[in-house]
Amino acid sequence: MLAKLSYSKLLIYVSLLILLMAGIHLLINGTDEDAIRFLISYSAKLSAFFFSIAFSASSISYFFNCNLSRSLLNYRPQLGLTFGVFHTFHLGFLIWLQSAIHPVFTLAKSSSLIGGGMAYVFMYLMMLTTFPSIRSRLKTKTWKALHLVGGYWIWFIFVKTYWRKVSIQNEGLFIFALLIIVLVIRVIYYIKAKSLKSKFE
């Protein structure tokens, strides 16, 4: 069923689901700073989770050849788009906090704003080029380069963010560990693929 769902409809359905969950949360807990920060925190965690699965899908499929890993690989575009929707709402919740209660962007370092802004630029470019009609206009090397560089930049921003949370606030350990595992799996996969390729050259 999910495979037959168009990417546009997927974006709409995921957005509606997030709006429903956020609406229920706000209805129960109100719209004070703690309630908004809860939405910011969990939209970031879910974004990082979906990103990690999408970013490591091919590596997971290589090391664990089972129905689940093959499904993750087949649905990688959908996972990536779902990440993009969650992270867009994350940005929206941050803007809400900035405009209504706390100047989160005003107090942030310029380097953090630039790094995070670049991650969003990469994310939206990757989302756009997931659609077949746009992907077909790009050369394969260009598409792969965009998704490789963009993926690692987004990974770096997530790791930087969650390392700070773990070291200073003592939270976010699961997401941080997941991101590190993703890198390890990808590196091992790259080394093995390179080694296998060299044997046939």
Protein backbone atom coordinates (compact mmCIF):
# COMPACT_ATOMS: atom_id res chain seq x y z
CA MET A 1 0.00 0.00 0.00
CA LEU A 2 2.77 2.43 0.99
CA ALA A 3 4.66 1.70 -2.23
CA LYS A 4 1.61 2.72 -4.28
CA LEU A 5 1.21 5.99 -2.37
CA SER A 6 2.48 8.97 -4.34
CA TYR A 7 5.20 11.06 -2.75
CA SER A 8 2.92 14.11 -2.73
CA LYS A 9 0.19 12.26 -0.85
CA LEU A 10 2.78 10.87 1.57
CA LEU A 11 3.87 14.41 2.43
CA ILE A 12 0.25 15.39 3.03
CA TYR A 13 -0.59 12.36 5.18
CA VAL A 14 2.54 12.67 7.32
CA SER A 15 1.85 16.39 7.78
CA LEU A 16 -1.73 15.68 8.86
CA LEU A 17 -0.52 13.03 11.30
CA ILE A 18 1.97 15.45 12.86
CA LEU A 19 -0.68 18.15 13.09
CA LEU A 20 -3.04 15.69 14.79
CA MET A 21 -0.43 14.57 17.34
CA ALA A 22 0.69 18.15 18.01
CA GLY A 23 -2.92 19.31 18.32
CA ILE A 24 -3.74 16.63 20.89
CA HIS A 25 -0.59 17.50 22.86
CA LEU A 26 -1.40 21.22 22.87
CA LEU A 27 -5.04 20.57 23.76
CA ILE A 28 -3.96 18.58 26.81
CA ASN A 29 -0.93 20.62 27.89
CA GLY A 30 -1.66 24.13 26.67
CA THR A 31 0.59 26.39 24.62
CA ASP A 32 3.16 27.53 27.18
CA GLU A 33 6.92 27.33 26.68
CA ASP A 34 7.23 23.79 28.05
CA ALA A 35 4.56 22.50 25.67
CA ILE A 36 6.25 24.08 22.66
CA ARG A 37 9.68 22.84 23.73
CA PHE A 38 8.24 19.33 23.99
CA LEU A 39 7.16 19.55 20.35
CA ILE A 40 10.57 20.89 19.36
CA SER A 41 12.36 18.10 21.19
CA TYR A 42 10.29 15.20 19.89
CA SER A 43 10.04 16.47 16.32
CA ALA A 44 13.86 16.63 16.34
CA LYS A 45 14.18 13.11 17.75
CA LEU A 46 11.75 11.64 15.22
CA SER A 47 13.49 13.57 12.43
CA ALA A 48 16.85 12.14 13.46
CA PHE A 49 15.38 8.65 13.71
CA PHE A 50 13.84 8.66 10.23
CA PHE A 51 16.97 10.27 8.81
CA SER A 52 19.18 7.59 10.36
CA ILE A 53 17.11 4.76 8.94
CA ALA A 54 16.99 6.31 5.47
CA PHE A 55 20.70 7.22 5.50
CA SER A 56 21.77 3.70 6.47
CA ALA A 57 19.17 1.65 4.56
CA SER A 58 21.57 0.36 1.88
CA SER A 59 24.21 -0.55 4.48
CA ILE A 60 21.68 -2.32 6.68
CA SER A 61 20.43 -4.26 3.67
CA TYR A 62 24.00 -5.33 2.86
CA PHE A 63 24.78 -6.65 6.35
CA PHE A 64 21.34 -7.98 7.26
CA ASN A 65 19.75 -9.63 4.26
CA CYS A 66 16.17 -10.11 5.47
CA ASN A 67 12.68 -8.93 4.61
CA LEU A 68 12.89 -5.99 7.03
CA SER A 69 16.18 -4.68 5.64
CA ARG A 70 14.96 -5.08 2.06
CA SER A 71 11.78 -3.19 2.96
CA LEU A 72 13.82 -0.36 4.47
CA LEU A 73 15.83 -0.14 1.26
CA ASN A 74 12.73 -0.22 -0.94
CA TYR A 75 11.04 2.48 1.13
CA ARG A 76 14.12 4.66 1.58
CA PRO A 77 12.61 7.53 -0.46
CA GLN A 78 9.50 7.50 1.71
CA LEU A 79 11.61 7.41 4.87
CA GLY A 80 13.66 10.34 3.62
CA LEU A 81 10.57 12.38 2.82
CA THR A 82 9.06 11.56 6.20
CA PHE A 83 12.25 12.86 7.82
CA GLY A 84 11.91 16.04 5.79
CA VAL A 85 8.32 16.64 6.91
CA PHE A 86 9.13 16.08 10.59
CA HIS A 87 12.14 18.38 10.37
CA THR A 88 10.08 21.06 8.64
CA PHE A 89 7.63 20.98 11.55
CA HIS A 90 10.60 21.09 13.92
CA LEU A 91 11.64 24.36 12.27
CA GLY A 92 8.08 25.61 12.49
CA PHE A 93 7.94 24.91 16.23
CA LEU A 94 11.26 26.74 16.69
CA ILE A 95 9.90 29.75 14.81
CA TRP A 96 6.79 29.65 17.01
CA LEU A 97 8.98 29.65 20.14
CA GLN A 98 11.09 32.50 18.74
CA SER A 99 8.13 34.68 17.83
CA ALA A 100 5.94 34.05 20.87
CA ILE A 101 8.08 33.31 23.91
CA HIS A 102 11.85 32.87 23.68
CA PRO A 103 14.38 34.36 21.16
CA VAL A 104 15.99 31.01 20.36
CA PHE A 105 17.41 32.15 17.02
CA THR A 106 18.52 35.53 18.34
CA LEU A 107 20.55 33.88 21.10
CA ALA A 108 22.04 31.18 18.86
CA LYS A 109 25.59 31.47 17.54
CA SER A 110 26.01 32.53 13.92
CA SER A 111 27.90 29.31 13.18
CA SER A 112 24.98 27.24 14.46
CA LEU A 113 22.47 29.20 12.37
CA ILE A 114 24.62 28.87 9.24
CA GLY A 115 25.28 25.16 9.79
CA GLY A 116 21.64 24.41 10.52
CA GLY A 117 20.50 26.57 7.62
CA MET A 118 22.76 24.66 5.23
CA ALA A 119 21.32 21.39 6.54
CA TYR A 120 17.82 22.60 5.68
CA VAL A 121 18.94 23.69 2.21
CA PHE A 122 20.42 20.24 1.59
CA MET A 123 17.32 18.58 3.03
CA TYR A 124 14.92 20.41 0.73
CA LEU A 125 17.13 19.82 -2.31
CA MET A 126 17.26 16.12 -1.46
CA MET A 127 13.49 16.02 -0.98
CA LEU A 128 12.86 17.73 -4.32
CA THR A 129 15.24 15.42 -6.17
CA THR A 130 13.51 12.38 -4.67
CA PHE A 131 10.57 13.03 -6.98
CA PRO A 132 11.13 11.07 -10.22
CA SER A 133 10.15 14.00 -12.45
CA ILE A 134 12.94 16.14 -10.99
CA ARG A 135 15.46 13.36 -10.48
CA SER A 136 15.26 12.43 -14.16
CA ARG A 137 16.57 15.88 -15.08
CA LEU A 138 19.79 15.38 -13.12
CA LYS A 139 22.82 13.34 -14.07
CA THR A 140 23.25 10.27 -11.89
CA LYS A 141 26.60 11.53 -10.58
CA THR A 142 25.08 14.89 -9.66
CA TRP A 143 22.17 13.25 -7.86
CA LYS A 144 24.45 10.90 -5.93
CA ALA A 145 26.84 13.72 -5.01
CA LEU A 146 23.99 15.87 -3.71
CA HIS A 147 22.55 13.10 -1.56
CA LEU A 148 25.96 11.96 -0.32
CA VAL A 149 27.25 15.41 0.65
CA GLY A 150 23.84 16.50 1.93
CA GLY A 151 23.38 13.33 3.92
CA TYR A 152 26.73 13.62 5.67
CA TRP A 153 26.22 17.32 6.37
CA ILE A 154 22.83 16.64 7.97
CA TRP A 155 24.39 13.76 9.91
CA PHE A 156 27.13 16.07 11.16
CA ILE A 157 24.62 18.69 12.35
CA PHE A 158 22.56 16.06 14.16
CA VAL A 159 25.66 14.59 15.82
CA LYS A 160 26.88 18.03 16.88
CA THR A 161 23.47 18.84 18.34
CA TYR A 162 23.00 15.59 20.22
CA TRP A 163 26.59 15.47 21.45
CA ARG A 164 25.90 18.83 23.11
CA LYS A 165 22.67 17.48 24.58
CA VAL A 166 24.39 14.37 25.94
CA SER A 167 27.41 16.17 27.36
CA ILE A 168 25.62 19.21 28.81
CA GLN A 169 21.99 18.22 29.42
CA ASN A 170 22.53 14.47 29.87
CA GLU A 171 19.77 13.58 27.40
CA GLY A 172 19.43 12.35 23.83
CA LEU A 173 21.83 9.43 24.30
CA PHE A 174 19.74 7.01 22.22
CA ILE A 175 19.66 9.29 19.17
CA PHE A 176 23.37 10.12 19.52
CA ALA A 177 24.26 6.42 19.73
CA LEU A 178 22.03 5.66 16.74
CA LEU A 179 23.79 8.32 14.66
CA ILE A 180 27.22 6.92 15.56
CA ILE A 181 26.11 3.38 14.71
CA VAL A 182 24.86 4.66 11.34
CA LEU A 183 28.29 6.10 10.57
CA VAL A 184 30.09 2.92 11.62
CA ILE A 185 27.83 0.76 9.47
CA ARG A 186 28.24 3.05 6.47
CA VAL A 187 32.05 3.15 6.81
CA ILE A 188 32.33 -0.63 7.10
CA TYR A 189 29.98 -1.03 4.14
CA TYR A 190 32.08 1.41 2.07
CA ILE A 191 35.32 -0.42 2.93
CA LYS A 192 33.85 -3.81 2.08
CA ALA A 193 32.34 -2.55 -1.17
CA LYS A 194 35.67 -0.97 -2.16
CA SER A 195 37.53 -4.18 -1.35
CA LEU A 196 35.06 -6.28 -3.34
CA LYS A 197 35.28 -3.91 -6.30
CA SER A 198 39.09 -4.01 -6.33
CA LYS A 199 39.06 -7.80 -6.55
CA PHE A 200 37.27 -7.63 -9.88
CA GLU A 201 39.46 -4.93 -11.37
